[in-house]
């Protein structure tokens, strides 16, 4: 009887260990692809800047890279004053993921020697040159987005994203994303919670150009 019990336990363990669990594959995640498609493209804050001169005319470009990696969706991102697109003030790589049904995340990465990748979105040779070893994760700066009925809303986690720009101690980002529109509100705060950079009225509103 005892030997039969041991055999039964071993059989259960074997069945459990031999079960194959499917690996996450972005190709099978239509919700993540829909989220990414809202981000990929060329955007401009021109309309907002014409209505309110305290906002600049900013050009925002997001394009997909490393499509062979099926564990996440990767984007290369550039932001520049529209009249100075050849000199972007921000270059980033975003890693998009979908941890549960209603939550989408974007991990933020900086680029080493980023100047060499300016204009990558329109340069196939630069795309081939950029590799995962050339980026560095910005700890604490992950953007978490909640899916609502027809838009996404979210941002960074309170004061966890470090920043030393213009005397800041940390930075925050608030995002609203919908079809053909992205509202992004980036702000920097000192150690006392006083804002030292970024828009004060609300986020920049980027409308899709293409």
N, C-alpha and C. Protein backbone atom coordinates (compact mmCIF):
# COMPACT_ATOMS: atom_id res chain seq x y z
N UNK A 1 0.84 -1.21 0.00
CA UNK A 1 0.00 0.00 0.00
C UNK A 1 0.87 1.25 0.00
N UNK A 2 1.90 1.24 0.85
CA UNK A 2 2.79 2.39 0.94
C UNK A 2 3.50 2.63 -0.38
N UNK A 3 3.93 1.54 -1.04
CA UNK A 3 4.63 1.69 -2.31
C UNK A 3 3.70 2.24 -3.38
N UNK A 4 2.42 1.85 -3.36
CA UNK A 4 1.46 2.36 -4.33
C UNK A 4 1.24 3.86 -4.14
N UNK A 5 1.23 4.29 -2.88
CA UNK A 5 1.04 5.71 -2.55
C UNK A 5 2.21 6.54 -3.08
N UNK A 6 3.43 6.01 -2.90
CA UNK A 6 4.63 6.71 -3.39
C UNK A 6 4.59 6.82 -4.90
N UNK A 7 4.19 5.75 -5.58
CA UNK A 7 4.11 5.76 -7.04
C UNK A 7 3.11 6.79 -7.50
N UNK A 8 1.96 6.88 -6.77
CA UNK A 8 0.93 7.85 -7.13
C UNK A 8 1.46 9.28 -7.01
N UNK A 9 2.18 9.60 -5.92
CA UNK A 9 2.73 10.93 -5.72
C UNK A 9 3.73 11.28 -6.80
N UNK A 10 4.61 10.32 -7.14
CA UNK A 10 5.61 10.55 -8.18
C UNK A 10 4.95 10.81 -9.52
N UNK A 11 3.85 10.08 -9.80
CA UNK A 11 3.14 10.26 -11.07
C UNK A 11 2.53 11.65 -11.17
N UNK A 12 1.95 12.13 -10.04
CA UNK A 12 1.35 13.46 -10.02
C UNK A 12 2.41 14.53 -10.25
N UNK A 13 3.57 14.37 -9.56
CA UNK A 13 4.65 15.33 -9.72
C UNK A 13 5.18 15.34 -11.14
N UNK A 14 5.28 14.16 -11.73
CA UNK A 14 5.80 14.07 -13.09
C UNK A 14 4.88 14.77 -14.08
N UNK A 15 3.55 14.53 -13.90
CA UNK A 15 2.58 15.16 -14.79
C UNK A 15 2.64 16.68 -14.65
N UNK A 16 2.76 17.14 -13.39
CA UNK A 16 2.81 18.58 -13.14
C UNK A 16 4.05 19.21 -13.74
N UNK A 17 5.18 18.54 -13.61
CA UNK A 17 6.43 19.11 -14.13
C UNK A 17 6.53 19.05 -15.64
N UNK A 18 5.82 18.07 -16.23
CA UNK A 18 5.95 17.90 -17.67
C UNK A 18 4.96 18.76 -18.45
N UNK A 19 4.01 19.41 -17.74
CA UNK A 19 3.05 20.26 -18.43
C UNK A 19 3.76 21.44 -19.07
N UNK A 20 3.44 21.73 -20.31
CA UNK A 20 4.07 22.83 -21.03
C UNK A 20 3.20 24.07 -20.95
N UNK A 21 3.75 25.14 -20.40
CA UNK A 21 3.02 26.40 -20.32
C UNK A 21 3.46 27.29 -21.46
N UNK A 22 2.50 27.89 -22.20
CA UNK A 22 2.88 28.75 -23.33
C UNK A 22 3.61 29.99 -22.87
N UNK A 23 4.65 30.37 -23.59
CA UNK A 23 5.39 31.57 -23.27
C UNK A 23 4.67 32.79 -23.83
N UNK A 24 4.85 33.93 -23.15
CA UNK A 24 4.21 35.16 -23.62
C UNK A 24 4.77 35.52 -24.99
N UNK A 25 3.88 35.85 -25.90
CA UNK A 25 4.28 36.20 -27.26
C UNK A 25 3.45 37.40 -27.69
N UNK A 26 4.13 38.51 -28.01
CA UNK A 26 3.41 39.73 -28.38
C UNK A 26 2.57 39.53 -29.63
N UNK A 27 2.94 38.58 -30.47
CA UNK A 27 2.18 38.33 -31.70
C UNK A 27 0.77 37.85 -31.40
N UNK A 28 0.59 37.23 -30.23
CA UNK A 28 -0.71 36.70 -29.85
C UNK A 28 -1.51 37.67 -28.98
N UNK A 29 -0.90 38.78 -28.60
CA UNK A 29 -1.56 39.73 -27.71
C UNK A 29 -2.09 40.92 -28.52
N UNK A 30 -3.31 40.79 -28.99
CA UNK A 30 -3.89 41.85 -29.82
C UNK A 30 -4.11 43.14 -29.02
N UNK A 31 -4.36 43.01 -27.73
CA UNK A 31 -4.58 44.20 -26.90
C UNK A 31 -3.30 45.03 -26.79
N UNK A 32 -2.16 44.36 -26.62
CA UNK A 32 -0.89 45.07 -26.56
C UNK A 32 -0.56 45.71 -27.90
N UNK A 33 -0.86 45.01 -28.98
CA UNK A 33 -0.61 45.56 -30.31
C UNK A 33 -1.47 46.81 -30.55
N UNK A 34 -2.72 46.77 -30.10
CA UNK A 34 -3.61 47.93 -30.25
C UNK A 34 -3.06 49.12 -29.46
N UNK A 35 -2.59 48.85 -28.24
CA UNK A 35 -2.00 49.89 -27.40
C UNK A 35 -0.78 50.50 -28.08
N UNK A 36 0.10 49.64 -28.60
CA UNK A 36 1.31 50.11 -29.26
C UNK A 36 0.98 50.93 -30.51
N UNK A 37 -0.03 50.50 -31.26
CA UNK A 37 -0.39 51.20 -32.50
C UNK A 37 -0.87 52.62 -32.24
N UNK A 38 -1.43 52.86 -31.05
CA UNK A 38 -1.85 54.22 -30.71
C UNK A 38 -0.64 55.13 -30.46
N UNK A 39 0.49 54.52 -30.10
CA UNK A 39 1.70 55.27 -29.81
C UNK A 39 2.59 55.46 -31.03
N UNK A 40 2.64 54.47 -31.88
CA UNK A 40 3.54 54.50 -33.03
C UNK A 40 3.08 55.53 -34.05
N UNK A 41 4.00 56.42 -34.43
CA UNK A 41 3.68 57.42 -35.45
C UNK A 41 4.36 58.75 -35.20
N UNK A 42 3.90 59.77 -35.91
CA UNK A 42 4.43 61.13 -35.80
C UNK A 42 3.34 62.02 -35.21
N UNK A 43 3.70 62.79 -34.17
CA UNK A 43 2.73 63.63 -33.47
C UNK A 43 3.26 65.06 -33.35
N UNK A 44 2.33 66.01 -33.17
CA UNK A 44 2.72 67.41 -33.06
C UNK A 44 1.81 68.14 -32.07
N UNK A 45 2.41 69.08 -31.33
CA UNK A 45 1.64 69.94 -30.43
C UNK A 45 1.38 71.30 -31.07
N UNK A 46 1.47 71.37 -32.39
CA UNK A 46 1.31 72.64 -33.11
C UNK A 46 -0.01 73.33 -32.78
N UNK A 47 -1.12 72.58 -32.84
CA UNK A 47 -2.44 73.18 -32.60
C UNK A 47 -2.51 73.81 -31.21
N UNK A 48 -1.99 73.12 -30.22
CA UNK A 48 -2.01 73.65 -28.85
C UNK A 48 -1.15 74.90 -28.74
N UNK A 49 0.01 74.89 -29.41
CA UNK A 49 0.92 76.05 -29.33
C UNK A 49 0.32 77.28 -29.98
N UNK A 50 -0.54 77.09 -30.99
CA UNK A 50 -1.20 78.22 -31.65
C UNK A 50 -2.30 78.81 -30.77
N UNK A 51 -2.91 77.96 -29.95
CA UNK A 51 -3.98 78.42 -29.06
C UNK A 51 -3.46 79.01 -27.76
N UNK A 52 -2.27 78.53 -27.34
CA UNK A 52 -1.69 78.99 -26.08
C UNK A 52 -0.18 79.07 -26.28
N UNK A 53 0.34 80.29 -26.33
CA UNK A 53 1.76 80.49 -26.66
C UNK A 53 2.70 80.07 -25.52
N UNK A 54 2.17 79.68 -24.37
CA UNK A 54 3.04 79.18 -23.31
C UNK A 54 3.48 77.74 -23.62
N UNK A 55 2.85 77.11 -24.61
CA UNK A 55 3.23 75.77 -25.04
C UNK A 55 4.01 75.87 -26.34
N UNK A 56 5.08 75.11 -26.44
CA UNK A 56 5.92 75.10 -27.64
C UNK A 56 5.34 74.15 -28.68
N UNK A 57 5.75 74.35 -29.92
CA UNK A 57 5.39 73.44 -31.00
C UNK A 57 6.42 72.30 -30.99
N UNK A 58 6.02 71.17 -30.43
CA UNK A 58 6.92 70.03 -30.26
C UNK A 58 6.56 68.92 -31.24
N UNK A 59 7.60 68.33 -31.81
CA UNK A 59 7.41 67.18 -32.69
C UNK A 59 7.80 65.92 -31.92
N UNK A 60 6.93 64.91 -31.95
CA UNK A 60 7.14 63.65 -31.24
C UNK A 60 7.06 62.50 -32.22
N UNK A 61 8.10 61.68 -32.23
CA UNK A 61 8.15 60.53 -33.14
C UNK A 61 8.36 59.25 -32.34
N UNK A 62 7.55 58.23 -32.62
CA UNK A 62 7.71 56.92 -31.98
C UNK A 62 7.63 55.84 -33.05
N UNK A 63 8.66 55.03 -33.13
CA UNK A 63 8.71 53.99 -34.16
C UNK A 63 9.15 52.66 -33.55
N UNK A 64 8.69 51.57 -34.13
CA UNK A 64 8.99 50.26 -33.57
C UNK A 64 10.39 49.79 -33.96
N UNK A 65 11.06 49.15 -33.01
CA UNK A 65 12.37 48.55 -33.25
C UNK A 65 12.37 47.13 -32.68
N UNK A 66 13.36 46.36 -33.03
CA UNK A 66 13.59 45.01 -32.49
C UNK A 66 12.33 44.14 -32.56
N UNK A 67 11.73 44.08 -33.72
CA UNK A 67 10.48 43.35 -33.89
C UNK A 67 10.64 41.84 -33.72
N UNK A 68 11.86 41.35 -33.81
CA UNK A 68 12.08 39.91 -33.62
C UNK A 68 11.93 39.49 -32.17
N UNK A 69 12.00 40.44 -31.25
CA UNK A 69 11.82 40.13 -29.83
C UNK A 69 10.33 40.04 -29.55
N UNK A 70 9.83 38.83 -29.27
CA UNK A 70 8.41 38.62 -29.05
C UNK A 70 8.01 38.70 -27.57
N UNK A 71 8.96 39.05 -26.70
CA UNK A 71 8.65 39.14 -25.27
C UNK A 71 8.08 40.50 -24.90
N UNK A 72 8.21 41.49 -25.80
CA UNK A 72 7.73 42.84 -25.55
C UNK A 72 7.70 43.58 -26.88
N UNK A 73 7.12 44.79 -26.86
CA UNK A 73 7.16 45.66 -28.03
C UNK A 73 8.07 46.84 -27.68
N UNK A 74 9.06 47.08 -28.51
CA UNK A 74 10.06 48.13 -28.27
C UNK A 74 9.84 49.30 -29.22
N UNK A 75 9.94 50.51 -28.68
CA UNK A 75 9.80 51.72 -29.49
C UNK A 75 11.01 52.63 -29.30
N UNK A 76 11.43 53.25 -30.40
CA UNK A 76 12.43 54.32 -30.33
C UNK A 76 11.67 55.64 -30.36
N UNK A 77 12.02 56.56 -29.46
CA UNK A 77 11.26 57.81 -29.28
C UNK A 77 12.17 59.03 -29.38
N UNK A 78 11.71 60.03 -30.14
CA UNK A 78 12.41 61.30 -30.23
C UNK A 78 11.43 62.45 -30.00
N UNK A 79 11.87 63.45 -29.23
CA UNK A 79 11.11 64.68 -29.07
C UNK A 79 12.03 65.86 -29.38
N UNK A 80 11.48 66.81 -30.14
CA UNK A 80 12.27 67.97 -30.52
C UNK A 80 11.35 69.15 -30.78
N UNK A 81 11.88 70.36 -30.56
CA UNK A 81 11.16 71.54 -31.02
C UNK A 81 11.02 71.41 -32.53
N UNK A 82 9.84 71.68 -33.03
CA UNK A 82 9.54 71.38 -34.43
C UNK A 82 10.54 72.01 -35.40
N UNK A 83 10.99 73.21 -35.11
CA UNK A 83 11.93 73.90 -36.00
C UNK A 83 13.36 73.39 -35.86
N UNK A 84 13.57 72.48 -34.88
CA UNK A 84 14.91 71.95 -34.65
C UNK A 84 14.87 70.42 -34.53
N UNK A 85 14.19 69.79 -35.45
CA UNK A 85 14.04 68.33 -35.39
C UNK A 85 15.36 67.59 -35.44
N UNK A 86 16.36 68.23 -36.05
CA UNK A 86 17.68 67.58 -36.14
C UNK A 86 18.43 67.62 -34.81
N UNK A 87 17.88 68.32 -33.82
CA UNK A 87 18.51 68.40 -32.50
C UNK A 87 17.49 68.06 -31.41
N UNK A 88 17.07 66.79 -31.34
CA UNK A 88 16.07 66.42 -30.34
C UNK A 88 16.58 66.63 -28.91
N UNK A 89 15.69 67.08 -28.02
CA UNK A 89 16.08 67.27 -26.63
C UNK A 89 15.80 66.03 -25.79
N UNK A 90 15.13 65.05 -26.39
CA UNK A 90 14.89 63.79 -25.67
C UNK A 90 14.91 62.63 -26.64
N UNK A 91 15.69 61.61 -26.28
CA UNK A 91 15.75 60.35 -27.02
C UNK A 91 15.59 59.21 -26.02
N UNK A 92 14.67 58.33 -26.28
CA UNK A 92 14.39 57.24 -25.35
C UNK A 92 14.06 55.96 -26.11
N UNK A 93 14.11 54.85 -25.39
CA UNK A 93 13.57 53.59 -25.87
C UNK A 93 12.51 53.15 -24.86
N UNK A 94 11.34 52.78 -25.36
CA UNK A 94 10.25 52.31 -24.51
C UNK A 94 10.08 50.80 -24.71
N UNK A 95 9.88 50.11 -23.60
CA UNK A 95 9.57 48.68 -23.65
C UNK A 95 8.13 48.49 -23.18
N UNK A 96 7.25 48.13 -24.11
CA UNK A 96 5.82 48.01 -23.79
C UNK A 96 5.48 46.58 -23.41
N UNK A 97 4.66 46.46 -22.36
CA UNK A 97 4.21 45.14 -21.94
C UNK A 97 2.78 45.21 -21.42
N UNK A 98 2.21 44.04 -21.15
CA UNK A 98 0.80 43.92 -20.80
C UNK A 98 0.67 42.92 -19.64
N UNK A 99 0.98 43.36 -18.41
CA UNK A 99 1.03 42.44 -17.27
C UNK A 99 -0.31 41.84 -16.85
N UNK A 100 -1.40 42.57 -17.08
CA UNK A 100 -2.71 41.96 -16.85
C UNK A 100 -3.74 42.61 -17.77
N UNK A 101 -4.98 42.15 -17.69
CA UNK A 101 -6.00 42.51 -18.68
C UNK A 101 -6.14 44.01 -18.91
N UNK A 102 -6.16 44.81 -17.85
CA UNK A 102 -6.46 46.23 -18.00
C UNK A 102 -5.25 47.13 -17.78
N UNK A 103 -4.07 46.55 -17.54
CA UNK A 103 -2.87 47.33 -17.26
C UNK A 103 -1.84 47.15 -18.38
N UNK A 104 -1.28 48.27 -18.82
CA UNK A 104 -0.21 48.27 -19.81
C UNK A 104 0.95 49.08 -19.23
N UNK A 105 2.17 48.65 -19.48
CA UNK A 105 3.33 49.34 -18.92
C UNK A 105 4.32 49.73 -20.00
N UNK A 106 5.06 50.79 -19.69
CA UNK A 106 6.14 51.23 -20.57
C UNK A 106 7.37 51.48 -19.71
N UNK A 107 8.35 50.59 -19.81
CA UNK A 107 9.64 50.79 -19.14
C UNK A 107 10.46 51.76 -19.98
N UNK A 108 11.16 52.68 -19.31
CA UNK A 108 11.87 53.74 -20.01
C UNK A 108 13.38 53.47 -19.99
N UNK A 109 14.02 53.66 -21.13
CA UNK A 109 15.46 53.45 -21.26
C UNK A 109 16.12 54.67 -21.91
N UNK A 110 17.30 55.00 -21.44
CA UNK A 110 18.12 56.01 -22.10
C UNK A 110 19.09 55.31 -23.05
N UNK A 111 19.70 56.07 -23.96
CA UNK A 111 20.63 55.51 -24.93
C UNK A 111 22.04 56.01 -24.66
N UNK A 112 23.00 55.11 -24.78
CA UNK A 112 24.39 55.50 -24.71
C UNK A 112 24.78 56.12 -26.06
N UNK A 113 25.57 57.19 -26.02
CA UNK A 113 25.98 57.87 -27.26
C UNK A 113 24.77 58.16 -28.14
N UNK A 114 23.74 58.75 -27.53
CA UNK A 114 22.46 58.90 -28.21
C UNK A 114 22.52 59.76 -29.47
N UNK A 115 23.49 60.66 -29.56
CA UNK A 115 23.57 61.54 -30.73
C UNK A 115 23.71 60.76 -32.04
N UNK A 116 24.36 59.61 -31.97
CA UNK A 116 24.59 58.83 -33.18
C UNK A 116 23.29 58.23 -33.74
N UNK A 117 22.21 58.25 -32.91
CA UNK A 117 20.96 57.64 -33.34
C UNK A 117 19.88 58.65 -33.70
N UNK A 118 20.24 59.93 -33.74
CA UNK A 118 19.26 60.95 -34.13
C UNK A 118 18.71 60.64 -35.53
N UNK A 119 17.39 60.66 -35.67
CA UNK A 119 16.77 60.37 -36.96
C UNK A 119 16.65 58.89 -37.26
N UNK A 120 16.84 58.04 -36.26
CA UNK A 120 16.79 56.59 -36.47
C UNK A 120 15.48 56.15 -37.10
N UNK A 121 14.38 56.83 -36.78
CA UNK A 121 13.07 56.43 -37.29
C UNK A 121 13.01 56.46 -38.81
N UNK A 122 13.91 57.23 -39.43
CA UNK A 122 13.93 57.33 -40.90
C UNK A 122 15.22 56.80 -41.51
N UNK A 123 15.98 56.02 -40.73
CA UNK A 123 17.29 55.57 -41.19
C UNK A 123 17.47 54.08 -40.87
N UNK A 124 17.37 53.26 -41.88
CA UNK A 124 17.43 51.81 -41.67
C UNK A 124 18.80 51.36 -41.16
N UNK A 125 19.86 52.06 -41.55
CA UNK A 125 21.20 51.68 -41.10
C UNK A 125 21.35 51.93 -39.60
N UNK A 126 20.81 53.04 -39.12
CA UNK A 126 20.87 53.33 -37.68
C UNK A 126 20.04 52.31 -36.89
N UNK A 127 18.94 51.86 -37.47
CA UNK A 127 18.12 50.84 -36.83
C UNK A 127 18.93 49.56 -36.60
N UNK A 128 19.74 49.20 -37.60
CA UNK A 128 20.54 47.99 -37.50
C UNK A 128 21.65 48.14 -36.45
N UNK A 129 22.10 49.37 -36.27
CA UNK A 129 23.22 49.63 -35.36
C UNK A 129 22.81 49.58 -33.89
N UNK A 130 21.59 50.04 -33.59
CA UNK A 130 21.13 50.07 -32.20
C UNK A 130 20.86 48.67 -31.68
N UNK A 131 21.49 48.31 -30.56
CA UNK A 131 21.31 47.00 -29.95
C UNK A 131 20.92 47.17 -28.48
N UNK A 132 20.33 46.14 -27.86
CA UNK A 132 19.91 46.24 -26.46
C UNK A 132 21.04 46.58 -25.49
N UNK A 133 22.28 46.28 -25.87
CA UNK A 133 23.42 46.59 -25.00
C UNK A 133 23.68 48.09 -24.93
N UNK A 134 23.06 48.85 -25.81
CA UNK A 134 23.31 50.29 -25.88
C UNK A 134 22.28 51.12 -25.13
N UNK A 135 21.40 50.47 -24.36
CA UNK A 135 20.40 51.22 -23.62
C UNK A 135 20.51 50.92 -22.12
N UNK A 136 20.03 51.84 -21.30
CA UNK A 136 20.09 51.69 -19.85
C UNK A 136 18.71 51.99 -19.25
N UNK A 137 18.25 51.09 -18.40
CA UNK A 137 16.93 51.21 -17.79
C UNK A 137 16.89 52.35 -16.78
N UNK A 138 15.85 53.18 -16.84
CA UNK A 138 15.64 54.25 -15.86
C UNK A 138 14.76 53.70 -14.73
N UNK A 139 15.42 53.28 -13.67
CA UNK A 139 14.71 52.69 -12.52
C UNK A 139 13.71 53.68 -11.95
N UNK A 140 12.52 53.19 -11.63
CA UNK A 140 11.50 54.00 -10.99
C UNK A 140 10.69 54.86 -11.94
N UNK A 141 10.99 54.80 -13.25
CA UNK A 141 10.33 55.68 -14.21
C UNK A 141 9.32 54.97 -15.10
N UNK A 142 8.98 53.73 -14.78
CA UNK A 142 8.00 53.00 -15.57
C UNK A 142 6.66 53.71 -15.56
N UNK A 143 6.06 53.81 -16.73
CA UNK A 143 4.73 54.40 -16.87
C UNK A 143 3.71 53.26 -16.89
N UNK A 144 2.71 53.34 -16.02
CA UNK A 144 1.66 52.33 -15.95
C UNK A 144 0.35 52.94 -16.44
N UNK A 145 -0.28 52.28 -17.41
CA UNK A 145 -1.49 52.80 -18.02
C UNK A 145 -2.68 51.87 -17.76
N UNK A 146 -3.80 52.47 -17.39
CA UNK A 146 -5.04 51.73 -17.19
C UNK A 146 -5.94 51.90 -18.41
N UNK A 147 -6.46 50.80 -18.91
CA UNK A 147 -7.36 50.86 -20.06
C UNK A 147 -8.78 51.17 -19.60
N UNK A 148 -9.35 52.24 -20.16
CA UNK A 148 -10.74 52.59 -19.90
C UNK A 148 -11.55 52.14 -21.13
N UNK A 149 -12.74 52.67 -21.31
CA UNK A 149 -13.58 52.21 -22.42
C UNK A 149 -12.97 52.58 -23.77
N UNK A 150 -12.61 53.86 -23.95
CA UNK A 150 -12.07 54.28 -25.24
C UNK A 150 -10.79 55.11 -25.12
N UNK A 151 -10.10 54.98 -23.99
CA UNK A 151 -8.82 55.66 -23.83
C UNK A 151 -8.01 54.97 -22.73
N UNK A 152 -6.75 55.40 -22.61
CA UNK A 152 -5.86 54.88 -21.57
C UNK A 152 -5.41 56.07 -20.72
N UNK A 153 -5.23 55.81 -19.42
CA UNK A 153 -4.79 56.88 -18.54
C UNK A 153 -3.83 56.32 -17.49
N UNK A 154 -2.83 57.10 -17.13
CA UNK A 154 -1.88 56.62 -16.12
C UNK A 154 -0.67 57.54 -16.01
N UNK A 155 0.43 56.97 -15.54
CA UNK A 155 1.64 57.76 -15.38
C UNK A 155 2.67 57.02 -14.55
N UNK A 156 3.64 57.78 -14.05
CA UNK A 156 4.69 57.21 -13.21
C UNK A 156 4.20 57.08 -11.77
N UNK A 157 4.97 56.39 -10.96
CA UNK A 157 4.63 56.15 -9.56
C UNK A 157 5.17 57.28 -8.68
N UNK A 158 4.33 58.21 -8.31
CA UNK A 158 4.61 59.34 -7.41
C UNK A 158 6.02 59.92 -7.60
N UNK A 159 6.90 59.78 -6.60
CA UNK A 159 8.22 60.43 -6.64
C UNK A 159 9.36 59.43 -6.85
N UNK A 160 9.09 58.33 -7.54
CA UNK A 160 10.09 57.26 -7.68
C UNK A 160 11.05 57.45 -8.84
N UNK A 161 10.75 58.39 -9.76
CA UNK A 161 11.60 58.57 -10.95
C UNK A 161 12.60 59.70 -10.71
N UNK A 162 13.88 59.40 -10.54
CA UNK A 162 14.87 60.44 -10.21
C UNK A 162 15.14 61.38 -11.38
N UNK A 163 15.44 62.64 -11.04
CA UNK A 163 15.80 63.64 -12.05
C UNK A 163 16.68 64.69 -11.40
N UNK A 164 17.71 65.13 -12.12
CA UNK A 164 18.55 66.21 -11.62
C UNK A 164 18.50 67.43 -12.54
N UNK A 165 17.54 67.45 -13.43
CA UNK A 165 17.39 68.55 -14.37
C UNK A 165 16.92 69.82 -13.66
N UNK A 166 17.66 70.91 -13.83
CA UNK A 166 17.29 72.22 -13.30
C UNK A 166 16.96 72.18 -11.80
N UNK A 167 17.75 71.44 -11.07
CA UNK A 167 17.58 71.40 -9.62
C UNK A 167 16.51 70.45 -9.13
N UNK A 168 15.99 69.61 -10.01
CA UNK A 168 14.94 68.67 -9.61
C UNK A 168 15.52 67.51 -8.82
N UNK A 169 14.66 66.90 -8.03
CA UNK A 169 15.00 65.69 -7.30
C UNK A 169 14.32 64.47 -7.92
N UNK A 170 13.12 64.71 -8.45
CA UNK A 170 12.39 63.63 -9.11
C UNK A 170 11.46 64.23 -10.18
N UNK A 171 11.00 63.36 -11.07
CA UNK A 171 10.12 63.79 -12.15
C UNK A 171 8.88 62.90 -12.17
N UNK A 172 7.78 63.46 -12.65
CA UNK A 172 6.55 62.68 -12.81
C UNK A 172 6.03 62.84 -14.23
N UNK A 173 5.31 61.85 -14.67
CA UNK A 173 4.68 61.88 -15.98
C UNK A 173 3.23 61.42 -15.85
N UNK A 174 2.33 62.18 -16.44
CA UNK A 174 0.91 61.80 -16.50
C UNK A 174 0.53 61.70 -17.97
N UNK A 175 -0.18 60.62 -18.32
CA UNK A 175 -0.50 60.36 -19.71
C UNK A 175 -1.98 60.08 -19.91
N UNK A 176 -2.54 60.65 -20.97
CA UNK A 176 -3.85 60.25 -21.48
C UNK A 176 -3.64 59.91 -22.95
N UNK A 177 -4.06 58.71 -23.34
CA UNK A 177 -3.83 58.23 -24.70
C UNK A 177 -5.15 57.77 -25.30
N UNK A 178 -5.44 58.29 -26.48
CA UNK A 178 -6.61 57.84 -27.22
C UNK A 178 -6.28 57.87 -28.70
N UNK A 179 -7.21 57.47 -29.53
CA UNK A 179 -6.95 57.43 -30.96
C UNK A 179 -6.58 58.81 -31.49
N UNK A 180 -5.40 58.87 -32.10
CA UNK A 180 -4.89 60.09 -32.75
C UNK A 180 -4.51 61.21 -31.79
N UNK A 181 -4.46 60.95 -30.49
CA UNK A 181 -4.11 61.99 -29.52
C UNK A 181 -3.37 61.41 -28.32
N UNK A 182 -2.31 62.12 -27.93
CA UNK A 182 -1.55 61.77 -26.74
C UNK A 182 -1.34 63.03 -25.91
N UNK A 183 -1.80 63.01 -24.67
CA UNK A 183 -1.54 64.12 -23.77
C UNK A 183 -0.50 63.68 -22.75
N UNK A 184 0.60 64.41 -22.69
CA UNK A 184 1.72 64.05 -21.82
C UNK A 184 2.11 65.24 -20.95
N UNK A 185 2.09 65.04 -19.65
CA UNK A 185 2.43 66.10 -18.71
C UNK A 185 3.64 65.68 -17.89
N UNK A 186 4.81 66.20 -18.26
CA UNK A 186 6.06 65.92 -17.56
C UNK A 186 6.37 67.09 -16.62
N UNK A 187 6.69 66.78 -15.37
CA UNK A 187 7.02 67.82 -14.40
C UNK A 187 8.20 67.37 -13.54
N UNK A 188 9.05 68.33 -13.18
CA UNK A 188 10.16 68.06 -12.28
C UNK A 188 9.96 68.79 -10.97
N UNK A 189 10.30 68.12 -9.86
CA UNK A 189 10.10 68.68 -8.52
C UNK A 189 11.39 68.58 -7.71
N UNK A 190 11.61 69.57 -6.84
CA UNK A 190 12.78 69.48 -5.96
C UNK A 190 12.45 68.60 -4.75
N UNK A 191 13.39 68.46 -3.84
CA UNK A 191 13.21 67.54 -2.71
C UNK A 191 12.07 67.95 -1.78
N UNK A 192 11.65 69.22 -1.89
CA UNK A 192 10.54 69.71 -1.06
C UNK A 192 9.20 69.63 -1.78
N UNK A 193 9.21 69.06 -2.99
CA UNK A 193 7.97 68.93 -3.74
C UNK A 193 7.57 70.17 -4.50
N UNK A 194 8.49 71.11 -4.66
CA UNK A 194 8.22 72.34 -5.42
C UNK A 194 8.57 72.11 -6.89
N UNK A 195 7.65 72.43 -7.79
CA UNK A 195 7.91 72.23 -9.21
C UNK A 195 8.98 73.19 -9.71
N UNK A 196 9.97 72.63 -10.43
CA UNK A 196 11.08 73.45 -10.95
C UNK A 196 11.17 73.42 -12.47
N UNK A 197 10.47 72.51 -13.12
CA UNK A 197 10.40 72.53 -14.58
C UNK A 197 9.14 71.81 -15.05
N UNK A 198 8.81 72.06 -16.31
CA UNK A 198 7.62 71.44 -16.90
C UNK A 198 6.44 72.39 -16.95
N UNK A 199 5.45 72.01 -17.74
CA UNK A 199 4.24 72.81 -17.88
C UNK A 199 3.50 72.88 -16.55
N UNK A 200 2.84 74.01 -16.31
CA UNK A 200 2.12 74.21 -15.04
C UNK A 200 0.61 74.14 -15.21
N UNK A 201 0.11 74.39 -16.41
CA UNK A 201 -1.34 74.41 -16.63
C UNK A 201 -1.92 73.03 -16.89
N UNK A 202 -1.12 72.19 -17.52
CA UNK A 202 -1.59 70.87 -17.94
C UNK A 202 -0.62 70.28 -18.93
N UNK A 203 -0.93 69.11 -19.43
CA UNK A 203 -0.01 68.42 -20.31
C UNK A 203 0.05 68.98 -21.72
N UNK A 204 1.10 68.57 -22.43
CA UNK A 204 1.20 68.87 -23.85
C UNK A 204 0.26 67.94 -24.60
N UNK A 205 -0.48 68.49 -25.54
CA UNK A 205 -1.43 67.71 -26.33
C UNK A 205 -0.85 67.49 -27.72
N UNK A 206 -0.52 66.24 -28.01
CA UNK A 206 0.07 65.88 -29.29
C UNK A 206 -1.00 65.23 -30.17
N UNK A 207 -1.19 65.80 -31.35
CA UNK A 207 -2.13 65.25 -32.31
C UNK A 207 -1.35 64.47 -33.38
N UNK A 208 -1.92 63.38 -33.81
CA UNK A 208 -1.25 62.54 -34.82
C UNK A 208 -1.16 63.27 -36.16
N UNK A 209 0.03 63.24 -36.75
CA UNK A 209 0.24 63.77 -38.09
C UNK A 209 0.27 62.65 -39.12
N UNK A 210 0.85 61.50 -38.71
CA UNK A 210 0.86 60.33 -39.59
C UNK A 210 1.22 59.09 -38.80
